[in-house]
Amino acid sequence: MSRTSSIYTRVEPEIKEQAEAILSQLGMPMSNAVNLFLHQVVLRGGIPFEVQLPTVPMAGGVPGLIRMKKEQFDAEMQKGLDSIKAGRVTPAEEVWAEMHERYGI
């Protein structure tokens, strides 16, 4: 068996709990996930994923939509509901076609 070394780090409790719940579903303890991450750092010579702010393909591709405050999100949802009530709707086929064209999905 190979020797091991300890790493001590501080993380936000909510993030730790969420990560543990997901890793548990995968049958992987946190220590294995961290070890896997570090192996990938070594193999790839850097962080094994892009580090950037997310862009959500909603609301015209507004970056940071997921960081909206509840009041802002509720106001945007209300705009959508008001549009539906006013009959300003787009058929789903057109929406999917536009999403495919803009975002490749």
PDB file of N, CA and C in Angstrom:
ATOM      1  N   MET A   1       0.830  -1.172   0.000  1.00  0.00           N
ATOM      2  CA  MET A   1       0.000   0.000   0.000  1.00  0.00           C
ATOM      3  C   MET A   1       0.878   1.241   0.000  1.00  0.00           C
ATOM      4  N   SER A   2       0.501   2.238  -0.813  1.00  0.00           N
ATOM      5  CA  SER A   2       1.311   3.451  -0.902  1.00  0.00           C
ATOM      6  C   SER A   2       1.086   4.356   0.300  1.00  0.00           C
ATOM      7  N   ARG A   3       2.086   5.167   0.575  1.00  0.00           N
ATOM      8  CA  ARG A   3       1.967   6.134   1.671  1.00  0.00           C
ATOM      9  C   ARG A   3       0.973   7.206   1.289  1.00  0.00           C
ATOM     10  N   THR A   4       0.395   7.836   2.266  1.00  0.00           N
ATOM     11  CA  THR A   4      -0.524   8.935   2.018  1.00  0.00           C
ATOM     12  C   THR A   4      -0.100  10.143   2.825  1.00  0.00           C
ATOM     13  N   SER A   5      -0.607  11.290   2.443  1.00  0.00           N
ATOM     14  CA  SER A   5      -0.345  12.535   3.139  1.00  0.00           C
ATOM     15  C   SER A   5      -1.682  13.226   3.366  1.00  0.00           C
ATOM     16  N   SER A   6      -1.792  13.990   4.407  1.00  0.00           N
ATOM     17  CA  SER A   6      -3.057  14.652   4.722  1.00  0.00           C
ATOM     18  C   SER A   6      -3.091  16.068   4.160  1.00  0.00           C
ATOM     19  N   ILE A   7      -4.298  16.481   3.773  1.00  0.00           N
ATOM     20  CA  ILE A   7      -4.555  17.853   3.330  1.00  0.00           C
ATOM     21  C   ILE A   7      -5.676  18.382   4.203  1.00  0.00           C
ATOM     22  N   TYR A   8      -5.503  19.577   4.727  1.00  0.00           N
ATOM     23  CA  TYR A   8      -6.551  20.205   5.518  1.00  0.00           C
ATOM     24  C   TYR A   8      -7.010  21.450   4.777  1.00  0.00           C
ATOM     25  N   THR A   9      -8.287  21.568   4.585  1.00  0.00           N
ATOM     26  CA  THR A   9      -8.821  22.722   3.872  1.00  0.00           C
ATOM     27  C   THR A   9     -10.143  23.162   4.480  1.00  0.00           C
ATOM     28  N   ARG A  10     -10.487  24.407   4.265  1.00  0.00           N
ATOM     29  CA  ARG A  10     -11.758  24.943   4.750  1.00  0.00           C
ATOM     30  C   ARG A  10     -12.674  25.149   3.551  1.00  0.00           C
ATOM     31  N   VAL A  11     -13.921  24.711   3.696  1.00  0.00           N
ATOM     32  CA  VAL A  11     -14.925  24.896   2.651  1.00  0.00           C
ATOM     33  C   VAL A  11     -16.228  25.350   3.302  1.00  0.00           C
ATOM     34  N   GLU A  12     -17.079  25.958   2.502  1.00  0.00           N
ATOM     35  CA  GLU A  12     -18.378  26.373   3.008  1.00  0.00           C
ATOM     36  C   GLU A  12     -19.178  25.127   3.376  1.00  0.00           C
ATOM     37  N   PRO A  13     -19.822  25.118   4.546  1.00  0.00           N
ATOM     38  CA  PRO A  13     -20.551  23.928   4.990  1.00  0.00           C
ATOM     39  C   PRO A  13     -21.615  23.464   3.998  1.00  0.00           C
ATOM     40  N   GLU A  14     -22.334  24.412   3.378  1.00  0.00           N
ATOM     41  CA  GLU A  14     -23.396  24.029   2.447  1.00  0.00           C
ATOM     42  C   GLU A  14     -22.826  23.327   1.215  1.00  0.00           C
ATOM     43  N   ILE A  15     -21.703  23.842   0.705  1.00  0.00           N
ATOM     44  CA  ILE A  15     -21.062  23.233  -0.464  1.00  0.00           C
ATOM     45  C   ILE A  15     -20.565  21.839  -0.119  1.00  0.00           C
ATOM     46  N   LYS A  16     -19.970  21.705   1.061  1.00  0.00           N
ATOM     47  CA  LYS A  16     -19.473  20.391   1.501  1.00  0.00           C
ATOM     48  C   LYS A  16     -20.621  19.389   1.580  1.00  0.00           C
ATOM     49  N   GLU A  17     -21.740  19.803   2.184  1.00  0.00           N
ATOM     50  CA  GLU A  17     -22.887  18.901   2.312  1.00  0.00           C
ATOM     51  C   GLU A  17     -23.454  18.506   0.955  1.00  0.00           C
ATOM     52  N   GLN A  18     -23.568  19.488   0.061  1.00  0.00           N
ATOM     53  CA  GLN A  18     -24.101  19.190  -1.276  1.00  0.00           C
ATOM     54  C   GLN A  18     -23.178  18.245  -2.032  1.00  0.00           C
ATOM     55  N   ALA A  19     -21.874  18.502  -1.946  1.00  0.00           N
ATOM     56  CA  ALA A  19     -20.901  17.636  -2.619  1.00  0.00           C
ATOM     57  C   ALA A  19     -20.931  16.229  -2.033  1.00  0.00           C
ATOM     58  N   GLU A  20     -20.997  16.117  -0.713  1.00  0.00           N
ATOM     59  CA  GLU A  20     -21.054  14.795  -0.074  1.00  0.00           C
ATOM     60  C   GLU A  20     -22.298  14.029  -0.498  1.00  0.00           C
ATOM     61  N   ALA A  21     -23.420  14.721  -0.636  1.00  0.00           N
ATOM     62  CA  ALA A  21     -24.658  14.050  -1.053  1.00  0.00           C
ATOM     63  C   ALA A  21     -24.512  13.490  -2.467  1.00  0.00           C
ATOM     64  N   ILE A  22     -23.923  14.270  -3.354  1.00  0.00           N
ATOM     65  CA  ILE A  22     -23.732  13.807  -4.739  1.00  0.00           C
ATOM     66  C   ILE A  22     -22.724  12.669  -4.780  1.00  0.00           C
ATOM     67  N   LEU A  23     -21.599  12.842  -4.086  1.00  0.00           N
ATOM     68  CA  LEU A  23     -20.578  11.794  -4.073  1.00  0.00           C
ATOM     69  C   LEU A  23     -21.105  10.514  -3.448  1.00  0.00           C
ATOM     70  N   SER A  24     -21.950  10.631  -2.450  1.00  0.00           N
ATOM     71  CA  SER A  24     -22.557   9.453  -1.832  1.00  0.00           C
ATOM     72  C   SER A  24     -23.381   8.670  -2.847  1.00  0.00           C
ATOM     73  N   GLN A  25     -24.127   9.393  -3.682  1.00  0.00           N
ATOM     74  CA  GLN A  25     -24.915   8.725  -4.726  1.00  0.00           C
ATOM     75  C   GLN A  25     -24.008   8.014  -5.723  1.00  0.00           C
ATOM     76  N   LEU A  26     -22.801   8.542  -5.893  1.00  0.00           N
ATOM     77  CA  LEU A  26     -21.834   7.916  -6.797  1.00  0.00           C
ATOM     78  C   LEU A  26     -21.039   6.816  -6.095  1.00  0.00           C
ATOM     79  N   GLY A  27     -21.237   6.678  -4.782  1.00  0.00           N
ATOM     80  CA  GLY A  27     -20.506   5.658  -4.025  1.00  0.00           C
ATOM     81  C   GLY A  27     -19.053   6.025  -3.803  1.00  0.00           C
ATOM     82  N   MET A  28     -18.777   7.339  -3.715  1.00  0.00           N
ATOM     83  CA  MET A  28     -17.398   7.799  -3.608  1.00  0.00           C
ATOM     84  C   MET A  28     -17.242   8.710  -2.390  1.00  0.00           C
ATOM     85  N   PRO A  29     -16.336   8.377  -1.485  1.00  0.00           N
ATOM     86  CA  PRO A  29     -16.091   9.281  -0.360  1.00  0.00           C
ATOM     87  C   PRO A  29     -15.374  10.550  -0.829  1.00  0.00           C
ATOM     88  N   MET A  30     -15.522  11.609  -0.052  1.00  0.00           N
ATOM     89  CA  MET A  30     -14.903  12.898  -0.384  1.00  0.00           C
ATOM     90  C   MET A  30     -13.406  12.756  -0.618  1.00  0.00           C
ATOM     91  N   SER A  31     -12.735  11.974   0.197  1.00  0.00           N
ATOM     92  CA  SER A  31     -11.278  11.830   0.059  1.00  0.00           C
ATOM     93  C   SER A  31     -10.904  11.253  -1.305  1.00  0.00           C
ATOM     94  N   ASN A  32     -11.701  10.318  -1.816  1.00  0.00           N
ATOM     95  CA  ASN A  32     -11.422   9.758  -3.142  1.00  0.00           C
ATOM     96  C   ASN A  32     -11.626  10.810  -4.237  1.00  0.00           C
ATOM     97  N   ALA A  33     -12.660  11.645  -4.075  1.00  0.00           N
ATOM     98  CA  ALA A  33     -12.917  12.690  -5.059  1.00  0.00           C
ATOM     99  C   ALA A  33     -11.777  13.706  -5.088  1.00  0.00           C
ATOM    100  N   VAL A  34     -11.286  14.093  -3.912  1.00  0.00           N
ATOM    101  CA  VAL A  34     -10.169  15.035  -3.840  1.00  0.00           C
ATOM    102  C   VAL A  34      -8.925  14.397  -4.449  1.00  0.00           C
ATOM    103  N   ASN A  35      -8.680  13.145  -4.136  1.00  0.00           N
ATOM    104  CA  ASN A  35      -7.531  12.426  -4.690  1.00  0.00           C
ATOM    105  C   ASN A  35      -7.628  12.358  -6.216  1.00  0.00           C
ATOM    106  N   LEU A  36      -8.823  12.072  -6.729  1.00  0.00           N
ATOM    107  CA  LEU A  36      -9.051  12.020  -8.174  1.00  0.00           C
ATOM    108  C   LEU A  36      -8.769  13.386  -8.802  1.00  0.00           C
ATOM    109  N   PHE A  37      -9.269  14.444  -8.169  1.00  0.00           N
ATOM    110  CA  PHE A  37      -9.018  15.800  -8.658  1.00  0.00           C
ATOM    111  C   PHE A  37      -7.518  16.079  -8.737  1.00  0.00           C
ATOM    112  N   LEU A  38      -6.782  15.769  -7.675  1.00  0.00           N
ATOM    113  CA  LEU A  38      -5.343  16.044  -7.652  1.00  0.00           C
ATOM    114  C   LEU A  38      -4.589  15.233  -8.704  1.00  0.00           C
ATOM    115  N   HIS A  39      -5.003  13.979  -8.927  1.00  0.00           N
ATOM    116  CA  HIS A  39      -4.393  13.178  -9.995  1.00  0.00           C
ATOM    117  C   HIS A  39      -4.611  13.850 -11.348  1.00  0.00           C
ATOM    118  N   GLN A  40      -5.794  14.371 -11.580  1.00  0.00           N
ATOM    119  CA  GLN A  40      -6.088  15.040 -12.841  1.00  0.00           C
ATOM    120  C   GLN A  40      -5.280  16.328 -12.997  1.00  0.00           C
ATOM    121  N   VAL A  41      -5.081  17.057 -11.910  1.00  0.00           N
ATOM    122  CA  VAL A  41      -4.248  18.264 -11.954  1.00  0.00           C
ATOM    123  C   VAL A  41      -2.849  17.898 -12.436  1.00  0.00           C
ATOM    124  N   VAL A  42      -2.304  16.818 -11.881  1.00  0.00           N
ATOM    125  CA  VAL A  42      -0.962  16.377 -12.263  1.00  0.00           C
ATOM    126  C   VAL A  42      -0.943  15.903 -13.713  1.00  0.00           C
ATOM    127  N   LEU A  43      -1.904  15.070 -14.098  1.00  0.00           N
ATOM    128  CA  LEU A  43      -1.937  14.532 -15.461  1.00  0.00           C
ATOM    129  C   LEU A  43      -2.120  15.613 -16.517  1.00  0.00           C
ATOM    130  N   ARG A  44      -2.934  16.615 -16.222  1.00  0.00           N
ATOM    131  CA  ARG A  44      -3.244  17.652 -17.204  1.00  0.00           C
ATOM    132  C   ARG A  44      -2.339  18.883 -17.080  1.00  0.00           C
ATOM    133  N   GLY A  45      -1.574  18.933 -15.999  1.00  0.00           N
ATOM    134  CA  GLY A  45      -0.698  20.079 -15.804  1.00  0.00           C
ATOM    135  C   GLY A  45      -1.456  21.356 -15.459  1.00  0.00           C
ATOM    136  N   GLY A  46      -2.592  21.210 -14.799  1.00  0.00           N
ATOM    137  CA  GLY A  46      -3.398  22.371 -14.416  1.00  0.00           C
ATOM    138  C   GLY A  46      -4.756  21.920 -13.933  1.00  0.00           C
ATOM    139  N   ILE A  47      -5.617  22.881 -13.708  1.00  0.00           N
ATOM    140  CA  ILE A  47      -6.967  22.559 -13.251  1.00  0.00           C
ATOM    141  C   ILE A  47      -7.690  21.832 -14.386  1.00  0.00           C
ATOM    142  N   PRO A  48      -8.319  20.694 -14.102  1.00  0.00           N
ATOM    143  CA  PRO A  48      -8.878  19.836 -15.161  1.00  0.00           C
ATOM    144  C   PRO A  48     -10.258  20.260 -15.671  1.00  0.00           C
ATOM    145  N   PHE A  49     -10.589  21.530 -15.558  1.00  0.00           N
ATOM    146  CA  PHE A  49     -11.847  22.043 -16.087  1.00  0.00           C
ATOM    147  C   PHE A  49     -11.696  23.549 -16.257  1.00  0.00           C
ATOM    148  N   GLU A  50     -12.584  24.146 -17.073  1.00  0.00           N
ATOM    149  CA  GLU A  50     -12.535  25.588 -17.272  1.00  0.00           C
ATOM    150  C   GLU A  50     -12.961  26.304 -16.000  1.00  0.00           C
ATOM    151  N   VAL A  51     -12.276  27.383 -15.689  1.00  0.00           N
ATOM    152  CA  VAL A  51     -12.641  28.203 -14.548  1.00  0.00           C
ATOM    153  C   VAL A  51     -13.137  29.533 -15.109  1.00  0.00           C
ATOM    154  N   GLN A  52     -14.451  29.701 -15.081  1.00  0.00           N
ATOM    155  CA  GLN A  52     -15.053  30.915 -15.612  1.00  0.00           C
ATOM    156  C   GLN A  52     -16.425  31.109 -15.002  1.00  0.00           C
ATOM    157  N   LEU A  53     -16.942  32.308 -15.110  1.00  0.00           N
ATOM    158  CA  LEU A  53     -18.292  32.570 -14.629  1.00  0.00           C
ATOM    159  C   LEU A  53     -19.271  31.920 -15.599  1.00  0.00           C
ATOM    160  N   PRO A  54     -20.319  31.311 -15.075  1.00  0.00           N
ATOM    161  CA  PRO A  54     -21.277  30.655 -15.955  1.00  0.00           C
ATOM    162  C   PRO A  54     -22.117  31.664 -16.732  1.00  0.00           C
ATOM    163  N   THR A  55     -22.452  31.296 -17.965  1.00  0.00           N
ATOM    164  CA  THR A  55     -23.388  32.067 -18.754  1.00  0.00           C
ATOM    165  C   THR A  55     -24.593  31.176 -18.957  1.00  0.00           C
ATOM    166  N   VAL A  56     -25.736  31.671 -18.593  1.00  0.00           N
ATOM    167  CA  VAL A  56     -26.958  30.890 -18.684  1.00  0.00           C
ATOM    168  C   VAL A  56     -27.679  31.270 -19.965  1.00  0.00           C
ATOM    169  N   PRO A  57     -28.005  30.307 -20.841  1.00  0.00           N
ATOM    170  CA  PRO A  57     -28.687  30.642 -22.096  1.00  0.00           C
ATOM    171  C   PRO A  57     -30.152  30.996 -21.876  1.00  0.00           C
ATOM    172  N   MET A  58     -30.386  32.009 -21.046  1.00  0.00           N
ATOM    173  CA  MET A  58     -31.734  32.488 -20.759  1.00  0.00           C
ATOM    174  C   MET A  58     -31.668  34.007 -20.758  1.00  0.00           C
ATOM    175  N   ALA A  59     -32.776  34.639 -20.865  1.00  0.00           N
ATOM    176  CA  ALA A  59     -32.863  36.102 -20.775  1.00  0.00           C
ATOM    177  C   ALA A  59     -31.817  36.766 -21.657  1.00  0.00           C
ATOM    178  N   GLY A  60     -31.712  36.277 -22.896  1.00  0.00           N
ATOM    179  CA  GLY A  60     -30.751  36.879 -23.815  1.00  0.00           C
ATOM    180  C   GLY A  60     -29.317  36.521 -23.494  1.00  0.00           C
ATOM    181  N   GLY A  61     -29.087  35.442 -22.771  1.00  0.00           N
ATOM    182  CA  GLY A  61     -27.726  35.031 -22.435  1.00  0.00           C
ATOM    183  C   GLY A  61     -27.095  35.911 -21.372  1.00  0.00           C
ATOM    184  N   VAL A  62     -27.900  36.482 -20.485  1.00  0.00           N
ATOM    185  CA  VAL A  62     -27.392  37.385 -19.464  1.00  0.00           C
ATOM    186  C   VAL A  62     -26.477  36.625 -18.514  1.00  0.00           C
ATOM    187  N   PRO A  63     -25.176  36.989 -18.462  1.00  0.00           N
ATOM    188  CA  PRO A  63     -24.289  36.329 -17.503  1.00  0.00           C
ATOM    189  C   PRO A  63     -24.744  36.597 -16.081  1.00  0.00           C
ATOM    190  N   GLY A  64     -24.587  35.613 -15.230  1.00  0.00           N
ATOM    191  CA  GLY A  64     -24.885  35.811 -13.829  1.00  0.00           C
ATOM    192  C   GLY A  64     -26.347  35.683 -13.464  1.00  0.00           C
ATOM    193  N   LEU A  65     -27.171  35.207 -14.383  1.00  0.00           N
ATOM    194  CA  LEU A  65     -28.589  35.070 -14.083  1.00  0.00           C
ATOM    195  C   LEU A  65     -28.794  34.217 -12.834  1.00  0.00           C
ATOM    196  N   ILE A  66     -27.941  33.204 -12.657  1.00  0.00           N
ATOM    197  CA  ILE A  66     -28.115  32.323 -11.507  1.00  0.00           C
ATOM    198  C   ILE A  66     -27.750  33.007 -10.193  1.00  0.00           C
ATOM    199  N   ARG A  67     -27.132  34.207 -10.268  1.00  0.00           N
ATOM    200  CA  ARG A  67     -26.788  34.929  -9.050  1.00  0.00           C
ATOM    201  C   ARG A  67     -27.812  36.015  -8.727  1.00  0.00           C
ATOM    202  N   MET A  68     -28.969  35.973  -9.402  1.00  0.00           N
ATOM    203  CA  MET A  68     -30.005  36.968  -9.134  1.00  0.00           C
ATOM    204  C   MET A  68     -30.523  36.828  -7.715  1.00  0.00           C
ATOM    205  N   LYS A  69     -30.889  37.949  -7.143  1.00  0.00           N
ATOM    206  CA  LYS A  69     -31.570  37.919  -5.855  1.00  0.00           C
ATOM    207  C   LYS A  69     -32.990  37.421  -6.095  1.00  0.00           C
ATOM    208  N   LYS A  70     -33.607  36.894  -5.056  1.00  0.00           N
ATOM    209  CA  LYS A  70     -34.955  36.338  -5.168  1.00  0.00           C
ATOM    210  C   LYS A  70     -35.934  37.353  -5.758  1.00  0.00           C
ATOM    211  N   GLU A  71     -35.837  38.593  -5.323  1.00  0.00           N
ATOM    212  CA  GLU A  71     -36.757  39.624  -5.812  1.00  0.00           C
ATOM    213  C   GLU A  71     -36.585  39.847  -7.309  1.00  0.00           C
ATOM    214  N   GLN A  72     -35.330  39.854  -7.777  1.00  0.00           N
ATOM    215  CA  GLN A  72     -35.058  40.036  -9.206  1.00  0.00           C
ATOM    216  C   GLN A  72     -35.610  38.853  -9.999  1.00  0.00           C
ATOM    217  N   PHE A  73     -35.358  37.649  -9.493  1.00  0.00           N
ATOM    218  CA  PHE A  73     -35.839  36.449 -10.173  1.00  0.00           C
ATOM    219  C   PHE A  73     -37.362  36.462 -10.251  1.00  0.00           C
ATOM    220  N   ASP A  74     -38.012  36.784  -9.119  1.00  0.00           N
ATOM    221  CA  ASP A  74     -39.477  36.835  -9.096  1.00  0.00           C
ATOM    222  C   ASP A  74     -40.014  37.856 -10.091  1.00  0.00           C
ATOM    223  N   ALA A  75     -39.352  39.009 -10.200  1.00  0.00           N
ATOM    224  CA  ALA A  75     -39.786  40.041 -11.144  1.00  0.00           C
ATOM    225  C   ALA A  75     -39.674  39.546 -12.588  1.00  0.00           C
ATOM    226  N   GLU A  76     -38.584  38.817 -12.900  1.00  0.00           N
ATOM    227  CA  GLU A  76     -38.420  38.266 -14.249  1.00  0.00           C
ATOM    228  C   GLU A  76     -39.482  37.209 -14.541  1.00  0.00           C
ATOM    229  N   MET A  77     -39.774  36.389 -13.551  1.00  0.00           N
ATOM    230  CA  MET A  77     -40.820  35.375 -13.723  1.00  0.00           C
ATOM    231  C   MET A  77     -42.178  36.033 -13.943  1.00  0.00           C
ATOM    232  N   GLN A  78     -42.443  37.117 -13.211  1.00  0.00           N
ATOM    233  CA  GLN A  78     -43.716  37.827 -13.368  1.00  0.00           C
ATOM    234  C   GLN A  78     -43.839  38.414 -14.772  1.00  0.00           C
ATOM    235  N   LYS A  79     -42.737  38.930 -15.324  1.00  0.00           N
ATOM    236  CA  LYS A  79     -42.755  39.439 -16.700  1.00  0.00           C
ATOM    237  C   LYS A  79     -43.185  38.333 -17.659  1.00  0.00           C
ATOM    238  N   GLY A  80     -42.654  37.137 -17.445  1.00  0.00           N
ATOM    239  CA  GLY A  80     -43.011  36.001 -18.293  1.00  0.00           C
ATOM    240  C   GLY A  80     -44.479  35.649 -18.167  1.00  0.00           C
ATOM    241  N   LEU A  81     -44.965  35.607 -16.942  1.00  0.00           N
ATOM    242  CA  LEU A  81     -46.382  35.298 -16.733  1.00  0.00           C
ATOM    243  C   LEU A  81     -47.275  36.362 -17.361  1.00  0.00           C
ATOM    244  N   ASP A  82     -46.888  37.627 -17.233  1.00  0.00           N
ATOM    245  CA  ASP A  82     -47.663  38.711 -17.843  1.00  0.00           C
ATOM    246  C   ASP A  82     -47.690  38.578 -19.368  1.00  0.00           C
ATOM    247  N   SER A  83     -46.571  38.168 -19.952  1.00  0.00           N
ATOM    248  CA  SER A  83     -46.518  37.972 -21.405  1.00  0.00           C
ATOM    249  C   SER A  83     -47.469  36.865 -21.845  1.00  0.00           C
ATOM    250  N   ILE A  84     -47.497  35.787 -21.078  1.00  0.00           N
ATOM    251  CA  ILE A  84     -48.402  34.673 -21.407  1.00  0.00           C
ATOM    252  C   ILE A  84     -49.852  35.137 -21.333  1.00  0.00           C
ATOM    253  N   LYS A  85     -50.183  35.846 -20.257  1.00  0.00           N
ATOM    254  CA  LYS A  85     -51.559  36.332 -20.090  1.00  0.00           C
ATOM    255  C   LYS A  85     -51.953  37.287 -21.208  1.00  0.00           C
ATOM    256  N   ALA A  86     -50.988  38.047 -21.734  1.00  0.00           N
ATOM    257  CA  ALA A  86     -51.266  39.001 -22.806  1.00  0.00           C
ATOM    258  C   ALA A  86     -51.245  38.338 -24.187  1.00  0.00           C
ATOM    259  N   GLY A  87     -50.971  37.032 -24.217  1.00  0.00           N
ATOM    260  CA  GLY A  87     -50.972  36.318 -25.492  1.00  0.00           C
ATOM    261  C   GLY A  87     -49.679  36.420 -26.272  1.00  0.00           C
ATOM    262  N   ARG A  88     -48.634  36.974 -25.654  1.00  0.00           N
ATOM    263  CA  ARG A  88     -47.331  37.070 -26.323  1.00  0.00           C
ATOM    264  C   ARG A  88     -46.573  35.762 -26.078  1.00  0.00           C
ATOM    265  N   VAL A  89     -46.846  34.776 -26.918  1.00  0.00           N
ATOM    266  CA  VAL A  89     -46.245  33.450 -26.772  1.00  0.00           C
ATOM    267  C   VAL A  89     -45.578  33.042 -28.076  1.00  0.00           C
ATOM    268  N   THR A  90     -44.662  32.105 -27.973  1.00  0.00           N
ATOM    269  CA  THR A  90     -43.953  31.571 -29.130  1.00  0.00           C
ATOM    270  C   THR A  90     -44.107  30.062 -29.109  1.00  0.00           C
ATOM    271  N   PRO A  91     -44.455  29.450 -30.237  1.00  0.00           N
ATOM    272  CA  PRO A  91     -44.573  27.986 -30.268  1.00  0.00           C
ATOM    273  C   PRO A  91     -43.260  27.313 -29.857  1.00  0.00           C
ATOM    274  N   ALA A  92     -43.377  26.196 -29.171  1.00  0.00           N
ATOM    275  CA  ALA A  92     -42.205  25.474 -28.667  1.00  0.00           C
ATOM    276  C   ALA A  92     -41.228  25.122 -29.783  1.00  0.00           C
ATOM    277  N   GLU A  93     -41.741  24.774 -30.951  1.00  0.00           N
ATOM    278  CA  GLU A  93     -40.868  24.406 -32.073  1.00  0.00           C
ATOM    279  C   GLU A  93     -39.942  25.565 -32.442  1.00  0.00           C
ATOM    280  N   GLU A  94     -40.480  26.785 -32.415  1.00  0.00           N
ATOM    281  CA  GLU A  94     -39.660  27.960 -32.736  1.00  0.00           C
ATOM    282  C   GLU A  94     -38.608  28.207 -31.652  1.00  0.00           C
ATOM    283  N   VAL A  95     -39.002  27.997 -30.402  1.00  0.00           N
ATOM    284  CA  VAL A  95     -38.060  28.186 -29.297  1.00  0.00           C
ATOM    285  C   VAL A  95     -36.912  27.196 -29.417  1.00  0.00           C
ATOM    286  N   TRP A  96     -37.231  25.927 -29.669  1.00  0.00           N
ATOM    287  CA  TRP A  96     -36.189  24.901 -29.793  1.00  0.00           C
ATOM    288  C   TRP A  96     -35.279  25.201 -30.974  1.00  0.00           C
ATOM    289  N   ALA A  97     -35.856  25.648 -32.089  1.00  0.00           N
ATOM    290  CA  ALA A  97     -35.052  25.968 -33.264  1.00  0.00           C
ATOM    291  C   ALA A  97     -34.086  27.114 -32.957  1.00  0.00           C
ATOM    292  N   GLU A  98     -34.578  28.146 -32.258  1.00  0.00           N
ATOM    293  CA  GLU A  98     -33.719  29.268 -31.910  1.00  0.00           C
ATOM    294  C   GLU A  98     -32.618  28.867 -30.927  1.00  0.00           C
ATOM    295  N   MET A  99     -32.959  28.030 -29.940  1.00  0.00           N
ATOM    296  CA  MET A  99     -31.956  27.558 -28.998  1.00  0.00           C
ATOM    297  C   MET A  99     -30.884  26.739 -29.709  1.00  0.00           C
ATOM    298  N   HIS A 100     -31.323  25.926 -30.654  1.00  0.00           N
ATOM    299  CA  HIS A 100     -30.360  25.116 -31.406  1.00  0.00           C
ATOM    300  C   HIS A 100     -29.431  26.027 -32.216  1.00  0.00           C
ATOM    301  N   GLU A 101     -30.015  27.045 -32.853  1.00  0.00           N
ATOM    302  CA  GLU A 101     -29.229  27.957 -33.668  1.00  0.00           C
ATOM    303  C   GLU A 101     -28.257  28.774 -32.822  1.00  0.00           C
ATOM    304  N   ARG A 102     -28.746  29.314 -31.714  1.00  0.00           N
ATOM    305  CA  ARG A 102     -27.904  30.182 -30.870  1.00  0.00           C
ATOM    306  C   ARG A 102     -26.889  29.423 -30.038  1.00  0.00           C
ATOM    307  N   TYR A 103     -27.334  28.304 -29.440  1.00  0.00           N
ATOM    308  CA  TYR A 103     -26.506  27.633 -28.430  1.00  0.00           C
ATOM    309  C   TYR A 103     -26.086  26.210 -28.789  1.00  0.00           C
ATOM    310  N   GLY A 104     -26.549  25.734 -29.937  1.00  0.00           N
ATOM    311  CA  GLY A 104     -26.170  24.387 -30.360  1.00  0.00           C
ATOM    312  C   GLY A 104     -26.760  23.286 -29.530  1.00  0.00           C
ATOM    313  N   ILE A 105     -27.912  23.569 -28.880  1.00  0.00           N
ATOM    314  CA  ILE A 105     -28.556  22.534 -28.076  1.00  0.00           C
ATOM    315  C   ILE A 105     -29.883  22.134 -28.669  1.00  0.00           C
TER     316      ILE A 105
END
